[in-house]
């Protein structure tokens, strides 16, 4: 193996490293509630709230839903209020 072949091999390794770094970056999710300019969330609207619950009944975190902190707090409050009023069950089977 000559010197030229080693240089090309090193360049290929560096290119692969750079490709891996760009793949690691995730696209920033935008808050769907901010986009729709929603000011308040109604706890009685079970179909909208179920969108933010897992199959087990847990509240989906904002890093997954892409909500801003303000709207995530509003969603959590509405879900807890709906659970208390027996509109949404605590655990899904």
Protein backbone atom coordinates (compact mmCIF):
# COMPACT_ATOMS: atom_id res chain seq x y z
CA UNK A 1 0.00 0.00 0.00
CA UNK A 2 1.49 3.31 -1.05
CA UNK A 3 1.44 6.68 0.66
CA UNK A 4 -1.16 7.95 -1.80
CA UNK A 5 -3.55 5.12 -0.91
CA UNK A 6 -3.20 5.85 2.81
CA UNK A 7 -4.01 9.54 2.25
CA UNK A 8 -7.17 8.66 0.33
CA UNK A 9 -8.18 6.20 3.07
CA UNK A 10 -7.77 8.89 5.75
CA UNK A 11 -9.89 11.33 3.73
CA UNK A 12 -12.64 8.73 3.45
CA UNK A 13 -12.62 8.20 7.22
CA UNK A 14 -12.88 11.94 7.86
CA UNK A 15 -15.77 12.21 5.40
CA UNK A 16 -17.60 9.39 7.19
CA UNK A 17 -17.09 11.10 10.56
CA UNK A 18 -18.55 14.36 9.22
CA UNK A 19 -21.53 12.50 7.74
CA UNK A 20 -22.27 10.92 11.13
CA UNK A 21 -22.24 14.33 12.83
CA UNK A 22 -24.81 15.81 10.44
CA UNK A 23 -27.08 12.77 10.87
CA UNK A 24 -27.11 13.24 14.66
CA UNK A 25 -28.71 16.69 14.43
CA UNK A 26 -32.48 16.47 14.66
CA UNK A 27 -34.91 18.92 13.16
CA UNK A 28 -36.42 21.28 15.74
CA UNK A 29 -40.13 20.62 16.23
CA UNK A 30 -42.45 23.60 16.34
CA UNK A 31 -45.32 23.94 18.77
CA UNK A 32 -48.53 23.09 16.90
CA UNK A 33 -50.59 25.06 19.43
CA UNK A 34 -48.51 28.22 18.90
CA UNK A 35 -48.88 27.82 15.13
CA UNK A 36 -52.68 27.64 15.52
CA UNK A 37 -52.56 30.56 18.01
CA UNK A 38 -54.45 28.63 20.69
CA UNK A 39 -54.77 30.59 23.94
CA UNK A 40 -56.47 27.98 26.13
CA UNK A 41 -57.04 24.23 26.13
CA UNK A 42 -60.45 22.87 27.08
CA UNK A 43 -60.29 19.91 29.44
CA UNK A 44 -63.65 18.65 28.13
CA UNK A 45 -62.25 18.03 24.62
CA UNK A 46 -61.09 14.44 25.19
CA UNK A 47 -60.19 13.73 21.54
CA UNK A 48 -57.61 16.54 21.46
CA UNK A 49 -56.16 15.56 24.82
CA UNK A 50 -55.79 11.87 23.84
CA UNK A 51 -53.32 13.02 21.19
CA UNK A 52 -50.91 13.89 23.99
CA UNK A 53 -51.28 10.57 25.85
CA UNK A 54 -49.52 7.26 25.28
CA UNK A 55 -51.40 3.99 24.95
CA UNK A 56 -50.68 3.39 28.63
CA UNK A 57 -52.22 6.75 29.57
CA UNK A 58 -49.02 8.67 30.29
CA UNK A 59 -48.57 12.28 29.18
CA UNK A 60 -46.14 12.46 26.24
CA UNK A 61 -43.15 14.74 27.01
CA UNK A 62 -42.64 17.96 25.09
CA UNK A 63 -39.36 16.82 23.52
CA UNK A 64 -41.45 14.29 21.58
CA UNK A 65 -44.58 16.37 20.90
CA UNK A 66 -42.63 19.53 20.10
CA UNK A 67 -44.82 21.75 22.28
CA UNK A 68 -43.47 24.85 23.94
CA UNK A 69 -43.22 24.88 27.75
CA UNK A 70 -46.27 27.11 28.16
CA UNK A 71 -48.55 24.87 26.10
CA UNK A 72 -47.14 21.67 27.59
CA UNK A 73 -48.08 22.93 31.07
CA UNK A 74 -51.56 23.81 29.81
CA UNK A 75 -51.96 20.34 28.27
CA UNK A 76 -50.80 18.62 31.47
CA UNK A 77 -53.23 20.69 33.55
CA UNK A 78 -56.12 19.96 31.18
CA UNK A 79 -55.35 16.22 31.14
CA UNK A 80 -55.20 16.08 34.94
CA UNK A 81 -58.46 18.03 35.18
CA UNK A 82 -60.14 15.71 32.64
CA UNK A 83 -58.94 12.67 34.58
CA UNK A 84 -60.38 14.10 37.81
CA UNK A 85 -63.71 14.74 36.07
CA UNK A 86 -63.66 11.15 34.69
CA UNK A 87 -63.63 12.34 31.06
CA UNK A 88 -60.33 10.52 30.46
CA UNK A 89 -59.33 7.40 32.36
CA UNK A 90 -56.07 7.32 34.30
CA UNK A 91 -54.95 4.06 32.69
CA UNK A 92 -55.93 2.61 29.33
CA UNK A 93 -56.23 -1.14 28.85
